[in-house]
N, C-alpha and C. Protein backbone atom coordinates (compact mmCIF):
# COMPACT_ATOMS: atom_id res chain seq x y z
N MET A 1 -13.67 -27.27 -11.71
CA MET A 1 -13.25 -27.77 -10.53
C MET A 1 -12.56 -26.41 -9.89
N THR A 2 -12.28 -26.48 -8.53
CA THR A 2 -11.53 -25.33 -7.85
C THR A 2 -10.66 -26.05 -7.12
N ALA A 3 -9.82 -25.28 -6.80
CA ALA A 3 -8.65 -25.86 -5.78
C ALA A 3 -8.55 -24.65 -4.80
N TYR A 4 -8.05 -24.77 -3.67
CA TYR A 4 -7.88 -24.16 -2.60
C TYR A 4 -6.47 -23.66 -2.19
N ILE A 5 -5.84 -22.47 -1.98
CA ILE A 5 -4.58 -22.45 -1.63
C ILE A 5 -4.86 -21.83 -0.33
N ILE A 6 -4.05 -22.45 0.69
CA ILE A 6 -3.87 -22.25 1.98
C ILE A 6 -2.50 -21.47 2.25
N SER A 7 -2.68 -20.44 3.00
CA SER A 7 -1.36 -19.58 3.27
C SER A 7 -1.22 -19.00 4.34
N THR A 8 0.41 -18.85 4.73
CA THR A 8 0.69 -18.48 6.09
C THR A 8 1.27 -17.15 5.90
N LEU A 9 1.21 -16.50 4.50
CA LEU A 9 2.01 -15.38 4.41
C LEU A 9 1.10 -14.22 4.98
N SER A 10 1.73 -13.23 5.59
CA SER A 10 1.28 -11.94 6.05
C SER A 10 0.88 -11.17 4.89
N SER A 11 1.39 -10.93 3.99
CA SER A 11 1.10 -10.12 2.76
C SER A 11 0.69 -11.09 1.68
N GLY A 12 -0.51 -10.56 0.85
CA GLY A 12 -0.73 -11.05 -0.28
C GLY A 12 0.12 -11.11 -1.43
N VAL A 13 -0.07 -12.00 -2.45
CA VAL A 13 0.77 -12.21 -3.29
C VAL A 13 0.25 -12.40 -4.93
N ASP A 14 0.67 -11.58 -5.66
CA ASP A 14 0.21 -11.34 -7.13
C ASP A 14 1.17 -12.19 -7.86
N TYR A 15 0.93 -13.23 -8.39
CA TYR A 15 1.66 -14.15 -9.48
C TYR A 15 1.45 -13.79 -10.82
N SER A 16 2.54 -12.82 -11.38
CA SER A 16 2.20 -12.45 -12.86
C SER A 16 2.93 -13.11 -13.89
N PHE A 17 2.19 -13.54 -14.93
CA PHE A 17 2.84 -14.50 -16.14
C PHE A 17 2.95 -13.37 -17.38
N TYR A 18 4.05 -13.64 -17.92
CA TYR A 18 4.29 -12.91 -19.08
C TYR A 18 4.35 -13.49 -20.24
N LYS A 19 3.96 -12.65 -21.77
CA LYS A 19 4.22 -13.15 -22.78
C LYS A 19 5.08 -12.19 -23.57
N THR A 20 5.68 -12.34 -24.78
CA THR A 20 6.31 -11.29 -25.42
C THR A 20 5.34 -10.87 -26.57
N ALA A 21 5.19 -9.49 -26.61
CA ALA A 21 4.45 -8.99 -27.39
C ALA A 21 5.06 -8.97 -28.96
N PRO A 22 4.33 -8.52 -30.02
CA PRO A 22 4.96 -8.63 -31.40
C PRO A 22 6.40 -7.55 -31.31
N ASN A 23 6.29 -6.55 -30.70
CA ASN A 23 7.39 -5.66 -30.71
C ASN A 23 8.49 -5.97 -29.81
N GLY A 24 8.52 -7.23 -29.18
CA GLY A 24 9.61 -7.74 -28.45
C GLY A 24 9.45 -7.57 -26.87
N GLN A 25 8.41 -6.69 -26.62
CA GLN A 25 8.58 -6.48 -25.30
C GLN A 25 7.59 -7.46 -24.51
N ASP A 26 8.19 -7.56 -23.24
CA ASP A 26 7.43 -8.60 -22.30
C ASP A 26 6.25 -8.08 -21.66
N ILE A 27 5.04 -8.45 -21.63
CA ILE A 27 3.83 -7.98 -21.18
C ILE A 27 3.04 -8.89 -20.15
N VAL A 28 2.61 -8.40 -19.29
CA VAL A 28 1.67 -9.13 -18.38
C VAL A 28 0.42 -9.78 -18.95
N TYR A 29 0.27 -11.32 -19.23
CA TYR A 29 -1.19 -11.29 -19.56
C TYR A 29 -1.99 -12.39 -18.74
N LYS A 30 -1.60 -12.59 -17.79
CA LYS A 30 -2.42 -12.95 -16.37
C LYS A 30 -1.54 -12.87 -14.97
N THR A 31 -2.52 -12.36 -14.19
CA THR A 31 -2.34 -12.36 -12.87
C THR A 31 -3.08 -13.14 -12.05
N ILE A 32 -2.50 -13.83 -11.09
CA ILE A 32 -3.52 -14.63 -9.96
C ILE A 32 -3.03 -14.14 -8.75
N SER A 33 -3.89 -13.78 -7.73
CA SER A 33 -3.64 -13.01 -6.52
C SER A 33 -4.19 -14.22 -5.59
N ILE A 34 -3.06 -14.18 -4.57
CA ILE A 34 -3.27 -15.02 -3.32
C ILE A 34 -3.37 -14.24 -2.32
N LYS A 35 -4.39 -14.33 -1.37
CA LYS A 35 -4.85 -13.47 -0.28
C LYS A 35 -3.37 -13.62 0.94
N GLY A 36 -3.14 -12.63 1.30
CA GLY A 36 -2.32 -12.54 2.53
C GLY A 36 -3.18 -12.32 4.22
N GLY A 37 -2.63 -12.17 4.91
CA GLY A 37 -3.14 -11.70 6.18
C GLY A 37 -3.11 -12.54 7.39
N ALA A 38 -2.27 -13.32 7.15
CA ALA A 38 -2.04 -14.63 8.40
C ALA A 38 -0.85 -13.59 9.40
N ASN A 39 -1.33 -13.94 10.57
CA ASN A 39 -0.64 -13.28 11.73
C ASN A 39 -0.79 -11.95 11.61
N VAL A 40 -1.80 -11.30 10.98
CA VAL A 40 -2.15 -9.99 10.85
C VAL A 40 -3.24 -9.51 11.79
N PRO A 41 -3.60 -8.81 12.72
CA PRO A 41 -4.83 -8.38 13.24
C PRO A 41 -5.96 -7.79 12.32
N ASP A 42 -7.07 -8.26 12.47
CA ASP A 42 -8.10 -7.48 11.63
C ASP A 42 -8.65 -6.50 12.33
N LYS A 43 -8.52 -5.13 11.35
CA LYS A 43 -8.64 -4.07 12.03
C LYS A 43 -10.16 -3.85 12.95
N ASN A 44 -11.13 -4.53 12.49
CA ASN A 44 -12.30 -4.07 12.96
C ASN A 44 -12.58 -5.16 14.59
N THR A 45 -11.92 -6.35 14.31
CA THR A 45 -12.02 -7.28 15.51
C THR A 45 -11.03 -7.90 16.37
N LEU A 46 -9.70 -7.35 15.74
CA LEU A 46 -8.63 -7.87 16.39
C LEU A 46 -8.16 -9.29 16.63
N PHE A 47 -9.13 -10.24 15.60
CA PHE A 47 -8.51 -11.34 15.21
C PHE A 47 -7.36 -11.59 14.84
N ILE A 48 -6.72 -12.40 15.06
CA ILE A 48 -5.38 -12.81 14.43
C ILE A 48 -5.51 -14.08 13.88
N PRO A 49 -5.79 -14.07 12.54
CA PRO A 49 -5.87 -15.50 11.88
C PRO A 49 -4.50 -16.14 11.45
N LYS A 50 -4.55 -17.37 11.71
CA LYS A 50 -3.17 -18.30 11.68
C LYS A 50 -2.91 -18.38 10.07
N GLY A 51 -3.85 -18.44 9.18
CA GLY A 51 -3.81 -18.73 7.89
C GLY A 51 -4.97 -17.90 7.27
N VAL A 52 -4.75 -18.12 5.76
CA VAL A 52 -5.93 -17.60 4.79
C VAL A 52 -6.11 -18.53 3.89
N GLU A 53 -7.48 -18.68 3.13
CA GLU A 53 -7.80 -19.52 2.18
C GLU A 53 -7.99 -18.80 0.78
N THR A 54 -7.49 -19.17 -0.26
CA THR A 54 -8.10 -18.38 -1.54
C THR A 54 -8.70 -19.48 -2.49
N LYS A 55 -9.55 -19.38 -3.12
CA LYS A 55 -10.26 -20.10 -4.06
C LYS A 55 -9.65 -19.67 -5.32
N ILE A 56 -9.30 -20.88 -6.10
CA ILE A 56 -8.84 -20.68 -7.34
C ILE A 56 -9.39 -21.81 -8.32
N THR A 57 -9.11 -21.74 -9.76
CA THR A 57 -9.58 -22.74 -10.85
C THR A 57 -8.54 -23.53 -10.68
N ASP A 58 -8.76 -24.94 -11.40
CA ASP A 58 -7.89 -25.81 -11.62
C ASP A 58 -6.81 -25.25 -12.85
N GLU A 59 -7.14 -24.32 -13.79
CA GLU A 59 -6.51 -23.73 -14.64
C GLU A 59 -5.51 -23.00 -14.05
N GLU A 60 -6.01 -22.27 -13.22
CA GLU A 60 -5.11 -21.28 -12.39
C GLU A 60 -4.13 -21.88 -11.67
N TYR A 61 -4.39 -23.15 -11.16
CA TYR A 61 -3.47 -24.11 -10.41
C TYR A 61 -2.32 -24.52 -11.23
N GLU A 62 -2.87 -24.94 -12.44
CA GLU A 62 -1.89 -25.56 -13.31
C GLU A 62 -0.83 -24.69 -13.59
N LEU A 63 -1.32 -23.31 -13.89
CA LEU A 63 -0.38 -22.24 -14.33
C LEU A 63 0.40 -21.82 -13.21
N LEU A 64 -0.22 -21.76 -11.97
CA LEU A 64 0.99 -21.46 -10.64
C LEU A 64 1.95 -22.56 -10.57
N LYS A 65 1.62 -23.73 -11.00
CA LYS A 65 2.66 -24.83 -10.79
C LYS A 65 3.96 -24.53 -11.76
N THR A 66 3.73 -23.67 -12.77
CA THR A 66 4.87 -23.29 -13.55
C THR A 66 5.53 -22.28 -12.98
N HIS A 67 4.91 -21.20 -11.89
CA HIS A 67 5.49 -20.10 -11.55
C HIS A 67 6.82 -20.28 -10.25
N ALA A 68 7.81 -19.79 -10.74
CA ALA A 68 9.16 -20.11 -9.87
C ALA A 68 8.79 -19.57 -8.33
N VAL A 69 8.13 -18.50 -8.12
CA VAL A 69 7.90 -18.03 -6.80
C VAL A 69 7.08 -18.70 -6.16
N PHE A 70 5.90 -19.18 -6.79
CA PHE A 70 4.85 -19.81 -6.06
C PHE A 70 5.51 -21.33 -5.47
N GLN A 71 6.33 -21.82 -6.58
CA GLN A 71 6.79 -23.05 -6.21
C GLN A 71 7.96 -22.95 -5.07
N LEU A 72 8.56 -21.57 -5.01
CA LEU A 72 9.48 -21.32 -3.79
C LEU A 72 8.51 -21.43 -2.24
N HIS A 73 7.46 -20.71 -2.42
CA HIS A 73 6.41 -20.59 -1.48
C HIS A 73 6.12 -21.83 -1.11
N VAL A 74 5.63 -22.73 -1.76
CA VAL A 74 5.42 -24.12 -1.51
C VAL A 74 6.34 -24.88 -1.09
N ASP A 75 7.64 -24.64 -1.59
CA ASP A 75 8.90 -25.63 -0.92
C ASP A 75 9.11 -25.05 0.38
N LYS A 76 9.16 -23.89 0.65
CA LYS A 76 9.33 -23.19 1.86
C LYS A 76 8.32 -23.50 3.10
N GLY A 77 7.18 -23.86 2.66
CA GLY A 77 6.16 -24.30 3.58
C GLY A 77 5.18 -23.05 4.06
N PHE A 78 5.08 -22.19 3.34
CA PHE A 78 4.04 -21.04 3.58
C PHE A 78 2.71 -21.11 2.80
N ILE A 79 2.74 -22.11 1.51
CA ILE A 79 1.51 -22.29 1.10
C ILE A 79 1.10 -24.03 0.73
N LYS A 80 0.18 -24.19 0.50
CA LYS A 80 -0.21 -25.61 0.19
C LYS A 80 -1.65 -25.57 -0.39
N VAL A 81 -1.92 -26.50 -1.41
CA VAL A 81 -2.99 -26.64 -2.23
C VAL A 81 -3.76 -27.76 -1.67
N ILE A 82 -5.20 -27.46 -1.64
CA ILE A 82 -6.09 -28.43 -1.21
C ILE A 82 -6.98 -28.29 -2.08
N LYS A 83 -7.82 -29.69 -2.43
CA LYS A 83 -8.96 -29.74 -3.12
C LYS A 83 -10.37 -29.36 -2.74
N THR A 84 -10.49 -29.32 -1.57
CA THR A 84 -11.63 -28.91 -0.86
C THR A 84 -11.39 -27.71 0.09
N SER A 85 -12.53 -26.83 0.34
CA SER A 85 -12.38 -25.64 1.30
C SER A 85 -12.08 -26.55 2.52
N ALA A 86 -10.91 -25.73 3.35
CA ALA A 86 -10.85 -26.03 4.92
C ALA A 86 -11.78 -25.49 5.66
N LYS A 87 -12.49 -26.60 6.42
CA LYS A 87 -13.63 -26.28 7.23
C LYS A 87 -12.85 -25.42 8.68
N ASP A 88 -11.83 -25.94 9.13
CA ASP A 88 -10.73 -25.43 9.90
C ASP A 88 -9.58 -24.86 9.52
N ILE A 89 -9.32 -23.63 9.19
CA ILE A 89 -8.06 -22.89 8.94
C ILE A 89 -7.10 -23.27 9.74
N GLU A 90 -7.19 -23.18 11.00
CA GLU A 90 -6.18 -23.62 12.15
C GLU A 90 -5.69 -24.75 11.96
N LYS A 91 -6.49 -25.89 11.68
CA LYS A 91 -6.07 -27.23 11.55
C LYS A 91 -5.21 -27.43 10.06
N ALA A 92 -5.86 -26.66 9.19
CA ALA A 92 -5.03 -26.79 7.75
C ALA A 92 -3.90 -26.38 7.73
N VAL A 93 -3.43 -25.27 8.77
CA VAL A 93 -2.21 -24.52 8.63
C VAL A 93 -0.91 -25.37 9.46
N GLU A 94 -1.24 -26.16 10.48
CA GLU A 94 -0.73 -26.95 11.14
C GLU A 94 0.69 -27.48 10.46
N THR A 95 0.66 -27.68 9.48
CA THR A 95 2.14 -28.53 8.63
C THR A 95 2.60 -27.32 7.95
N LEU A 96 1.96 -26.24 7.77
CA LEU A 96 2.91 -25.07 7.16
C LEU A 96 3.76 -24.14 8.30
N GLU A 97 4.60 -23.58 7.74
CA GLU A 97 5.43 -22.65 8.40
C GLU A 97 4.57 -21.54 9.28
N LYS A 98 4.93 -21.57 10.35
CA LYS A 98 3.83 -20.36 11.21
C LYS A 98 3.89 -19.16 10.91
N GLU A 99 4.89 -18.45 10.19
CA GLU A 99 4.98 -17.00 9.86
C GLU A 99 6.13 -16.92 8.96
N ASP A 100 5.82 -15.82 8.03
CA ASP A 100 6.85 -15.58 7.05
C ASP A 100 7.82 -14.05 7.80
N ALA A 101 8.76 -13.71 7.04
CA ALA A 101 9.32 -12.60 7.43
C ALA A 101 8.71 -11.23 7.79
N SER A 102 7.56 -11.29 6.99
CA SER A 102 6.83 -10.01 6.93
C SER A 102 5.58 -9.99 7.95
N ALA A 103 5.68 -11.01 8.95
CA ALA A 103 4.71 -11.09 9.93
C ALA A 103 4.96 -9.89 11.01
N PRO A 104 4.17 -9.20 11.50
CA PRO A 104 4.26 -8.37 12.61
C PRO A 104 5.21 -8.62 13.65
N LEU A 105 5.77 -7.60 14.22
CA LEU A 105 6.92 -8.11 15.38
C LEU A 105 5.83 -8.16 16.68
N THR A 106 6.00 -8.68 17.59
CA THR A 106 5.61 -8.93 18.88
C THR A 106 6.41 -8.75 20.02
N PRO A 107 5.96 -8.42 21.10
CA PRO A 107 7.07 -8.45 22.37
C PRO A 107 7.67 -9.68 22.37
N ALA A 108 7.01 -10.69 22.28
CA ALA A 108 7.93 -11.85 22.39
C ALA A 108 9.24 -12.20 21.55
N LYS A 109 8.80 -11.51 20.11
CA LYS A 109 9.67 -11.93 19.39
C LYS A 109 11.03 -10.81 19.51
N MET A 110 10.69 -9.50 20.19
CA MET A 110 11.86 -8.74 20.29
C MET A 110 12.22 -8.84 21.57
N GLY A 111 12.10 -9.88 22.35
CA GLY A 111 12.90 -10.10 23.57
C GLY A 111 12.53 -9.26 24.62
N VAL A 112 11.07 -8.78 24.81
CA VAL A 112 11.10 -8.07 25.72
C VAL A 112 9.82 -8.54 26.49
N GLU A 113 9.64 -8.06 27.75
CA GLU A 113 8.55 -8.49 28.72
C GLU A 113 7.46 -7.38 29.15
N ALA A 114 6.30 -7.60 29.25
CA ALA A 114 5.36 -6.58 29.65
C ALA A 114 5.29 -6.19 31.20
N GLU A 115 5.41 -5.03 31.67
CA GLU A 115 5.26 -4.87 33.01
C GLU A 115 3.91 -3.94 33.22
N GLU A 116 2.94 -4.18 33.83
CA GLU A 116 1.75 -3.44 33.74
C GLU A 116 2.03 -2.39 35.01
N LYS A 117 1.50 -1.03 34.62
CA LYS A 117 1.87 0.22 35.37
C LYS A 117 0.58 0.86 35.40
N GLU A 118 -0.68 0.82 36.11
CA GLU A 118 -1.65 1.33 36.10
C GLU A 118 -2.42 0.97 34.79
N ASP A 119 -2.75 1.84 33.78
CA ASP A 119 -3.55 1.32 32.65
C ASP A 119 -2.54 1.26 31.47
N VAL A 120 -1.34 1.25 31.59
CA VAL A 120 -0.22 1.32 30.32
C VAL A 120 0.58 -0.11 30.58
N LYS A 121 1.05 -0.56 29.43
CA LYS A 121 2.09 -1.45 29.58
C LYS A 121 3.45 -1.03 29.12
N VAL A 122 4.01 -1.40 30.00
CA VAL A 122 5.74 -0.76 29.53
C VAL A 122 6.38 -2.25 29.25
N TYR A 123 7.20 -2.03 27.96
CA TYR A 123 7.96 -3.32 27.67
C TYR A 123 9.36 -2.92 28.12
N LYS A 124 10.01 -3.98 28.78
CA LYS A 124 11.39 -3.94 29.27
C LYS A 124 11.98 -5.11 28.50
N LYS A 125 13.18 -4.67 28.16
CA LYS A 125 14.24 -5.98 27.66
C LYS A 125 14.59 -7.11 28.72
N LYS A 126 14.24 -8.14 28.39
CA LYS A 126 14.26 -9.26 29.34
C LYS A 126 16.08 -9.53 29.72
N ARG A 127 16.20 -9.72 30.84
CA ARG A 127 17.80 -9.65 31.65
C ARG A 127 17.79 -11.22 31.85
N GLY A 128 19.06 -11.69 31.62
CA GLY A 128 19.29 -13.00 31.98
C GLY A 128 19.71 -13.11 33.46
N LYS A 129 19.43 -14.19 34.01
CA LYS A 129 19.23 -14.58 35.41
C LYS A 129 20.74 -14.92 35.74
N LYS A 130 21.19 -14.08 37.19
CA LYS A 130 22.63 -14.15 37.36
C LYS A 130 22.51 -15.27 38.73
């Protein structure tokens, strides 16, 4: 069986699991990688996905449920787990947070507006109306 992680995180996340070696040192025995890339333009097409999907096994999901950071991402609304592949990612991410703090800045987020001058866009800080 498989599960699918739907994520609105801009960066991928590696969830690492540790065990104690005979010498007492903690070592990584398993890492589960979840794709990132939401709200980041694709370098070839400039398409900006609202979310991404990562396929995992049921065993990996059971292990992820014990990981504190994974649970934090779920609780904050950046990740959700579904049992079947999402046919429409845009619809699948509707109930999730739209972006995380690592999403790229846009002119709208910076409070600036674009002014067209020939072939160049000039961004100016928005002024309040008087």
